[in-house]
Structures are given as C-alpha cells and as structure tokens.
Amino acid sequence: MKKLMILGASVLQMPAIVEAKKLGLYVIAVDMNPNAEGFSYADKKIVVSTTDTEKVLEEAKKIK
C-alpha cells in the first residue's frame, strides 16, 4: 500500500487527508497538537512539531 505523510492535521488539512483515504492511501498525519482534528481520519498519527524537521525525518524512517 502506498503511504502519504501529511504535515499538519488541523481542520485545514482534513480535506487532503480525507481525499488521500478515498484514493486508498495509508495516511500518516503529523501535528504537534495531540487533539488535532485530522488525526481521527489518519491511519497513523505522529505528535511532533512539523517545524522540527529532524524529528519528522526520524519518525518517517521508522515507518515500514
């Protein structure tokens, strides 16, 4: 299955998350807010600031 990481999981990113799910993609959402609305639609959530590029990359490398 193809995977897509979306940086941000707020209400602004929800249309992208929902559309990616409709396309059959495995969606990984990244946001520093553990209660971000988009997390409820994503397959995997990563709670980290999207501006912390080193941490985002570290988390991305863990995904198989």
N, C-alpha and C. Protein backbone atom coordinates (compact mmCIF):
# COMPACT_ATOMS: atom_id res chain seq x y z
N MET A 1 0.84 -1.18 0.00
CA MET A 1 0.00 0.00 0.00
C MET A 1 0.89 1.25 0.00
N LYS A 2 0.52 2.21 -0.82
CA LYS A 2 1.27 3.46 -0.85
C LYS A 2 0.94 4.29 0.37
N LYS A 3 1.94 5.03 0.83
CA LYS A 3 1.78 5.84 2.04
C LYS A 3 2.00 7.31 1.71
N LEU A 4 1.29 8.16 2.44
CA LEU A 4 1.42 9.60 2.28
C LEU A 4 1.52 10.23 3.66
N MET A 5 2.57 11.01 3.87
CA MET A 5 2.71 11.75 5.12
C MET A 5 2.23 13.18 4.87
N ILE A 6 1.30 13.62 5.69
CA ILE A 6 0.77 14.97 5.58
C ILE A 6 1.23 15.75 6.80
N LEU A 7 1.92 16.85 6.54
CA LEU A 7 2.42 17.70 7.62
C LEU A 7 1.33 18.67 8.03
N GLY A 8 0.79 18.43 9.20
CA GLY A 8 -0.34 19.19 9.71
C GLY A 8 -1.57 18.31 9.72
N ALA A 9 -2.34 18.39 10.79
CA ALA A 9 -3.56 17.58 10.88
C ALA A 9 -4.72 18.43 11.40
N SER A 10 -4.63 19.73 11.17
CA SER A 10 -5.70 20.62 11.62
C SER A 10 -6.86 20.56 10.63
N VAL A 11 -7.87 21.35 10.90
CA VAL A 11 -9.04 21.41 10.03
C VAL A 11 -8.64 21.80 8.60
N LEU A 12 -7.56 22.54 8.45
CA LEU A 12 -7.11 22.95 7.11
C LEU A 12 -6.59 21.78 6.28
N GLN A 13 -6.04 20.77 6.92
CA GLN A 13 -5.51 19.61 6.20
C GLN A 13 -6.52 18.48 6.06
N MET A 14 -7.65 18.58 6.73
CA MET A 14 -8.62 17.49 6.70
C MET A 14 -9.09 17.13 5.29
N PRO A 15 -9.36 18.10 4.40
CA PRO A 15 -9.76 17.69 3.04
C PRO A 15 -8.69 16.84 2.34
N ALA A 16 -7.43 17.17 2.53
CA ALA A 16 -6.35 16.39 1.91
C ALA A 16 -6.28 14.99 2.51
N ILE A 17 -6.45 14.90 3.82
CA ILE A 17 -6.41 13.60 4.50
C ILE A 17 -7.57 12.72 4.02
N VAL A 18 -8.76 13.30 3.97
CA VAL A 18 -9.94 12.54 3.54
C VAL A 18 -9.80 12.10 2.09
N GLU A 19 -9.33 12.99 1.22
CA GLU A 19 -9.16 12.64 -0.19
C GLU A 19 -8.12 11.54 -0.37
N ALA A 20 -7.03 11.62 0.36
CA ALA A 20 -5.99 10.59 0.28
C ALA A 20 -6.55 9.23 0.71
N LYS A 21 -7.38 9.22 1.75
CA LYS A 21 -8.01 7.97 2.20
C LYS A 21 -8.92 7.42 1.11
N LYS A 22 -9.67 8.30 0.44
CA LYS A 22 -10.56 7.86 -0.64
C LYS A 22 -9.77 7.22 -1.78
N LEU A 23 -8.54 7.69 -1.98
CA LEU A 23 -7.68 7.15 -3.03
C LEU A 23 -6.99 5.86 -2.60
N GLY A 24 -7.25 5.42 -1.38
CA GLY A 24 -6.70 4.16 -0.90
C GLY A 24 -5.30 4.27 -0.32
N LEU A 25 -4.86 5.47 -0.01
CA LEU A 25 -3.53 5.65 0.55
C LEU A 25 -3.54 5.45 2.06
N TYR A 26 -2.43 5.00 2.59
CA TYR A 26 -2.21 4.90 4.03
C TYR A 26 -1.70 6.27 4.45
N VAL A 27 -2.46 6.95 5.30
CA VAL A 27 -2.16 8.34 5.64
C VAL A 27 -1.52 8.45 7.01
N ILE A 28 -0.36 9.11 7.03
CA ILE A 28 0.34 9.42 8.27
C ILE A 28 0.21 10.92 8.46
N ALA A 29 -0.41 11.34 9.55
CA ALA A 29 -0.58 12.76 9.82
C ALA A 29 0.39 13.19 10.92
N VAL A 30 0.98 14.35 10.74
CA VAL A 30 1.95 14.88 11.70
C VAL A 30 1.45 16.23 12.19
N ASP A 31 1.36 16.38 13.51
CA ASP A 31 0.93 17.65 14.09
C ASP A 31 1.39 17.69 15.54
N MET A 32 1.70 18.89 16.03
CA MET A 32 2.15 18.98 17.42
C MET A 32 0.98 18.97 18.41
N ASN A 33 -0.23 19.16 17.90
CA ASN A 33 -1.42 19.14 18.76
C ASN A 33 -1.95 17.71 18.83
N PRO A 34 -1.87 17.07 19.98
CA PRO A 34 -2.34 15.69 20.09
C PRO A 34 -3.84 15.52 19.84
N ASN A 35 -4.57 16.63 19.86
CA ASN A 35 -6.01 16.59 19.63
C ASN A 35 -6.40 17.14 18.26
N ALA A 36 -5.46 17.21 17.34
CA ALA A 36 -5.73 17.74 16.00
C ALA A 36 -6.87 16.95 15.35
N GLU A 37 -7.78 17.68 14.72
CA GLU A 37 -8.98 17.07 14.14
C GLU A 37 -8.66 16.00 13.09
N GLY A 38 -7.63 16.23 12.30
CA GLY A 38 -7.29 15.30 11.22
C GLY A 38 -6.79 13.94 11.69
N PHE A 39 -6.32 13.86 12.92
CA PHE A 39 -5.83 12.58 13.44
C PHE A 39 -6.92 11.52 13.43
N SER A 40 -8.17 11.92 13.59
CA SER A 40 -9.25 10.94 13.64
C SER A 40 -9.47 10.27 12.28
N TYR A 41 -8.98 10.87 11.19
CA TYR A 41 -9.13 10.29 9.86
C TYR A 41 -7.87 9.57 9.38
N ALA A 42 -6.74 9.88 9.97
CA ALA A 42 -5.47 9.30 9.53
C ALA A 42 -5.31 7.87 10.03
N ASP A 43 -4.50 7.11 9.32
CA ASP A 43 -4.19 5.74 9.74
C ASP A 43 -3.17 5.73 10.87
N LYS A 44 -2.26 6.70 10.84
CA LYS A 44 -1.23 6.80 11.88
C LYS A 44 -1.06 8.26 12.22
N LYS A 45 -0.89 8.53 13.50
CA LYS A 45 -0.64 9.91 13.91
C LYS A 45 0.73 10.01 14.56
N ILE A 46 1.39 11.12 14.27
CA ILE A 46 2.69 11.40 14.88
C ILE A 46 2.58 12.78 15.51
N VAL A 47 2.74 12.82 16.82
CA VAL A 47 2.62 14.08 17.55
C VAL A 47 4.01 14.68 17.69
N VAL A 48 4.30 15.61 16.80
CA VAL A 48 5.58 16.32 16.79
C VAL A 48 5.37 17.60 15.97
N SER A 49 6.12 18.62 16.28
CA SER A 49 6.02 19.86 15.52
C SER A 49 6.49 19.64 14.09
N THR A 50 5.74 20.14 13.14
CA THR A 50 6.13 19.99 11.74
C THR A 50 7.36 20.83 11.40
N THR A 51 7.73 21.75 12.26
CA THR A 51 8.94 22.55 12.03
C THR A 51 10.20 21.87 12.57
N ASP A 52 10.01 20.79 13.32
CA ASP A 52 11.14 20.01 13.84
C ASP A 52 11.51 18.97 12.78
N THR A 53 12.22 19.43 11.75
CA THR A 53 12.49 18.57 10.60
C THR A 53 13.27 17.32 10.95
N GLU A 54 14.19 17.42 11.88
CA GLU A 54 14.97 16.25 12.27
C GLU A 54 14.08 15.18 12.89
N LYS A 55 13.17 15.58 13.75
CA LYS A 55 12.26 14.62 14.40
C LYS A 55 11.27 14.04 13.39
N VAL A 56 10.76 14.87 12.50
CA VAL A 56 9.83 14.38 11.48
C VAL A 56 10.53 13.34 10.61
N LEU A 57 11.75 13.62 10.19
CA LEU A 57 12.51 12.67 9.37
C LEU A 57 12.79 11.38 10.14
N GLU A 58 13.14 11.52 11.41
CA GLU A 58 13.38 10.34 12.26
C GLU A 58 12.13 9.47 12.33
N GLU A 59 10.98 10.09 12.53
CA GLU A 59 9.72 9.34 12.61
C GLU A 59 9.37 8.71 11.26
N ALA A 60 9.63 9.43 10.17
CA ALA A 60 9.34 8.90 8.84
C ALA A 60 10.16 7.66 8.55
N LYS A 61 11.40 7.64 8.99
CA LYS A 61 12.28 6.48 8.75
C LYS A 61 11.82 5.24 9.50
N LYS A 62 11.03 5.42 10.56
CA LYS A 62 10.52 4.29 11.34
C LYS A 62 9.36 3.58 10.64
N ILE A 63 8.73 4.25 9.69
CA ILE A 63 7.55 3.70 9.02
C ILE A 63 7.98 2.68 7.98
N LYS A 64 7.43 1.52 8.07
CA LYS A 64 7.77 0.43 7.14
C LYS A 64 6.80 0.40 5.98
